[in-house]
Each structure stands twice: as C-alpha cells, then as structure tokens.
Amino acid sequence: MHERITLVSYAGGGNVRKKMICSDKAPAPVGPYSQAVRAGEFLFVSGQIPMSAQSGEIVTGSFDRQVRTVLDNITVIIQDAGFTLDNVVKVTIFLADMDRFAELNAIYDEYFGEARPARSCVEVSRLPKGVPLEIEAIAMTHRRETR
C-alpha cells in the first residue's frame, strides 16, 4: 500500500490529516483521483468498477463475476487502509440496469451480511468504460488515528 499524507485546513480552524490510500491489490485509478482517502475517522472509497487488479482490464462475463470483482476490490482497499467491511457505514451503487437489482442484492448480502450499512442504489444511463455497475463506500472507525 502507498499513502500520501497532507494536512487540510477547515473553516472552523485547525487541520485534519488527509491520507490518500493506494492499494497494490486493487486496480490503479483510471483518472486523477485516489482509490480512497482517509480523513480522521472516515475512509472514503472512490467508485470501483469491475476491473482486474492484475491486468487493469475490465472483467467481462457474468454479472455475478463483475459484482464480486467490484466488492473484492473495495474489500482490499478497505483492509489495506486498516478497516473491515464491518466499518462501512454508507454504500452508493450505480447500476446501468435496475433489472439486475435482485441479483446484485444476493451477492451484496454475502459480503455485508448483518453489518448492513446505509445504502443508495440508482440506475444511471452510462458508466465509465461501459461497465454495468460502480460502487463507492464510506467507512468509519471509532478508534482515534495515531500518527
């Protein structure tokens, strides 16, 4: 994992440490953004698409395989940042076809089980690289970050 730390000032005065997270186990970003950013007790995971971490290519084939690839990528990013899926408090899912909602839910439940973060799922007309879904997540820990 690579990380870059910066201090970000906020309106109320003071600073919060902002760490840009880059896991070698997940696909590299395809644009000018970080895989995830940790700010205080929160981890913001950028939208992940079904992309192979090894090849950087879009995973094709079944929708099941594509969903699992996305959730596996989110899992390794979260773990490399020191969190678990149990720490996830909010998930946003973008689907190109809402008819896939039930199939998505069955796979999603295998990953999150009873942890069940808050969630939004919206149908969109188009996603990067023509993929059928993109998922982003926010995780939170109650532990205070140490330097």
Protein backbone atom coordinates (compact mmCIF):
# COMPACT_ATOMS: atom_id res chain seq x y z
CA MET A 1 0.00 0.00 0.00
CA HIS A 2 1.18 3.51 -0.77
CA GLU A 3 -0.09 6.55 1.04
CA ARG A 4 0.48 10.24 0.80
CA ILE A 5 -0.41 12.45 3.75
CA THR A 6 -1.44 16.08 3.54
CA LEU A 7 -2.92 18.48 6.04
CA VAL A 8 -6.19 20.07 5.07
CA SER A 9 -7.45 23.20 6.84
CA TYR A 10 -11.14 23.57 7.55
CA ALA A 11 -13.31 26.62 8.15
CA GLY A 12 -13.50 26.22 11.93
CA GLY A 13 -9.73 26.46 12.21
CA GLY A 14 -7.31 23.61 12.69
CA ASN A 15 -6.25 20.83 10.42
CA VAL A 16 -7.27 17.29 9.63
CA ARG A 17 -4.84 14.76 8.28
CA LYS A 18 -5.83 13.52 4.86
CA LYS A 19 -4.21 10.33 3.63
CA MET A 20 -4.52 9.23 0.04
CA ILE A 21 -4.69 5.42 0.00
CA CYS A 22 -3.37 3.34 -2.89
CA SER A 23 -3.56 -0.45 -2.55
CA ASP A 24 -1.39 -2.58 -4.82
CA LYS A 25 -4.10 -5.28 -4.53
CA ALA A 26 -6.76 -3.19 -6.30
CA PRO A 27 -6.80 -1.64 -9.77
CA ALA A 28 -4.99 1.64 -10.19
CA PRO A 29 -7.27 4.65 -10.67
CA VAL A 30 -8.18 5.35 -14.29
CA GLY A 31 -8.21 9.11 -13.73
CA PRO A 32 -6.97 11.90 -11.45
CA TYR A 33 -8.33 10.54 -8.17
CA SER A 34 -7.29 8.29 -5.27
CA GLN A 35 -8.61 4.79 -4.63
CA ALA A 36 -9.54 6.05 -1.18
CA VAL A 37 -8.92 8.97 1.14
CA ARG A 38 -8.76 8.73 4.90
CA ALA A 39 -9.77 11.86 6.78
CA GLY A 40 -9.78 11.45 10.55
CA GLU A 41 -12.02 8.52 11.46
CA PHE A 42 -13.51 8.26 7.97
CA LEU A 43 -12.40 6.40 4.86
CA PHE A 44 -13.94 7.44 1.54
CA VAL A 45 -13.53 4.76 -1.13
CA SER A 46 -13.85 6.01 -4.70
CA GLY A 47 -16.28 4.32 -7.03
CA GLN A 48 -14.93 0.96 -8.13
CA ILE A 49 -15.82 -0.70 -11.42
CA PRO A 50 -15.29 -4.35 -12.41
CA MET A 51 -11.62 -4.05 -13.23
CA SER A 52 -8.92 -6.63 -12.66
CA ALA A 53 -6.22 -5.53 -10.24
CA GLN A 54 -3.71 -7.74 -12.03
CA SER A 55 -4.30 -6.74 -15.65
CA GLY A 56 -6.07 -3.39 -15.34
CA GLU A 57 -8.62 -4.71 -17.83
CA ILE A 58 -12.40 -4.67 -17.43
CA VAL A 59 -13.72 -8.01 -16.17
CA THR A 60 -16.24 -9.40 -18.63
CA GLY A 61 -18.56 -12.34 -18.44
CA SER A 62 -21.32 -12.83 -15.94
CA PHE A 63 -22.83 -10.01 -13.90
CA ASP A 64 -22.11 -12.14 -10.80
CA ARG A 65 -18.39 -12.12 -11.60
CA GLN A 66 -18.41 -8.37 -12.22
CA VAL A 67 -20.18 -7.59 -8.92
CA ARG A 68 -17.79 -9.83 -6.99
CA THR A 69 -14.80 -8.15 -8.64
CA VAL A 70 -16.05 -4.72 -7.56
CA LEU A 71 -16.78 -5.86 -3.98
CA ASP A 72 -13.43 -7.70 -3.76
CA ASN A 73 -11.62 -4.53 -4.87
CA ILE A 74 -13.48 -2.45 -2.29
CA THR A 75 -12.66 -5.04 0.38
CA VAL A 76 -8.89 -4.96 -0.26
CA ILE A 77 -8.80 -1.17 -0.36
CA ILE A 78 -10.67 -1.00 2.94
CA GLN A 79 -8.46 -3.67 4.52
CA ASP A 80 -5.23 -2.04 3.34
CA ALA A 81 -6.41 1.17 5.00
CA GLY A 82 -6.91 -0.68 8.31
CA PHE A 83 -10.69 -1.10 8.15
CA THR A 84 -13.07 -4.02 7.58
CA LEU A 85 -16.42 -4.29 5.81
CA ASP A 86 -18.00 -4.06 9.29
CA ASN A 87 -16.70 -0.45 9.41
CA VAL A 88 -18.63 0.53 6.27
CA VAL A 89 -21.41 2.98 7.14
CA LYS A 90 -22.62 4.02 3.67
CA VAL A 91 -22.57 2.46 0.20
CA THR A 92 -23.70 4.01 -3.06
CA ILE A 93 -24.36 1.72 -6.02
CA PHE A 94 -24.75 2.88 -9.60
CA LEU A 95 -26.43 0.34 -11.91
CA ALA A 96 -26.81 0.59 -15.65
CA ASP A 97 -29.84 -1.76 -15.46
CA MET A 98 -32.12 -1.80 -12.42
CA ASP A 99 -33.45 -5.18 -13.59
CA ARG A 100 -30.20 -6.55 -12.06
CA PHE A 101 -31.15 -5.23 -8.59
CA ALA A 102 -32.21 -8.61 -7.10
CA GLU A 103 -29.09 -10.35 -8.42
CA LEU A 104 -26.92 -7.56 -7.03
CA ASN A 105 -28.62 -7.79 -3.61
CA ALA A 106 -28.00 -11.53 -3.29
CA ILE A 107 -24.25 -11.08 -3.88
CA TYR A 108 -24.05 -7.89 -1.79
CA ASP A 109 -25.62 -9.72 1.16
CA GLU A 110 -22.84 -12.34 1.04
CA TYR A 111 -20.27 -9.58 1.60
CA PHE A 112 -22.04 -7.39 4.15
CA GLY A 113 -24.38 -9.85 5.88
CA GLU A 114 -25.71 -8.38 9.10
CA ALA A 115 -23.33 -5.37 9.01
CA ARG A 116 -25.78 -3.69 6.59
CA PRO A 117 -24.54 -0.15 6.03
CA ALA A 118 -26.88 2.59 4.84
CA ARG A 119 -27.18 2.35 1.08
CA SER A 120 -28.42 4.05 -2.05
CA CYS A 121 -28.82 2.35 -5.40
CA VAL A 122 -29.59 4.33 -8.52
CA GLU A 123 -29.94 3.48 -12.17
CA VAL A 124 -27.73 5.53 -14.44
CA SER A 125 -27.62 5.84 -18.19
CA ARG A 126 -23.89 5.27 -18.55
CA LEU A 127 -20.81 4.35 -16.51
CA PRO A 128 -17.07 4.58 -17.21
CA LYS A 129 -15.79 2.10 -19.79
CA GLY A 130 -19.35 0.87 -20.42
CA VAL A 131 -19.48 -1.28 -17.25
CA PRO A 132 -22.79 -2.39 -15.70
CA LEU A 133 -22.08 -1.10 -12.18
CA GLU A 134 -19.95 1.11 -9.96
CA ILE A 135 -19.87 1.05 -6.16
CA GLU A 136 -18.42 3.56 -3.68
CA ALA A 137 -18.23 3.25 0.10
CA ILE A 138 -17.64 5.24 3.27
CA ALA A 139 -16.19 3.53 6.33
CA MET A 140 -15.70 4.85 9.84
CA THR A 141 -13.72 3.72 12.83
CA HIS A 142 -14.21 4.72 16.44
CA ARG A 143 -10.50 4.43 17.13
CA ARG A 144 -8.63 7.67 17.15
CA GLU A 145 -5.97 7.74 14.47
CA THR A 146 -2.45 7.83 15.79
CA ARG A 147 0.36 9.48 13.99
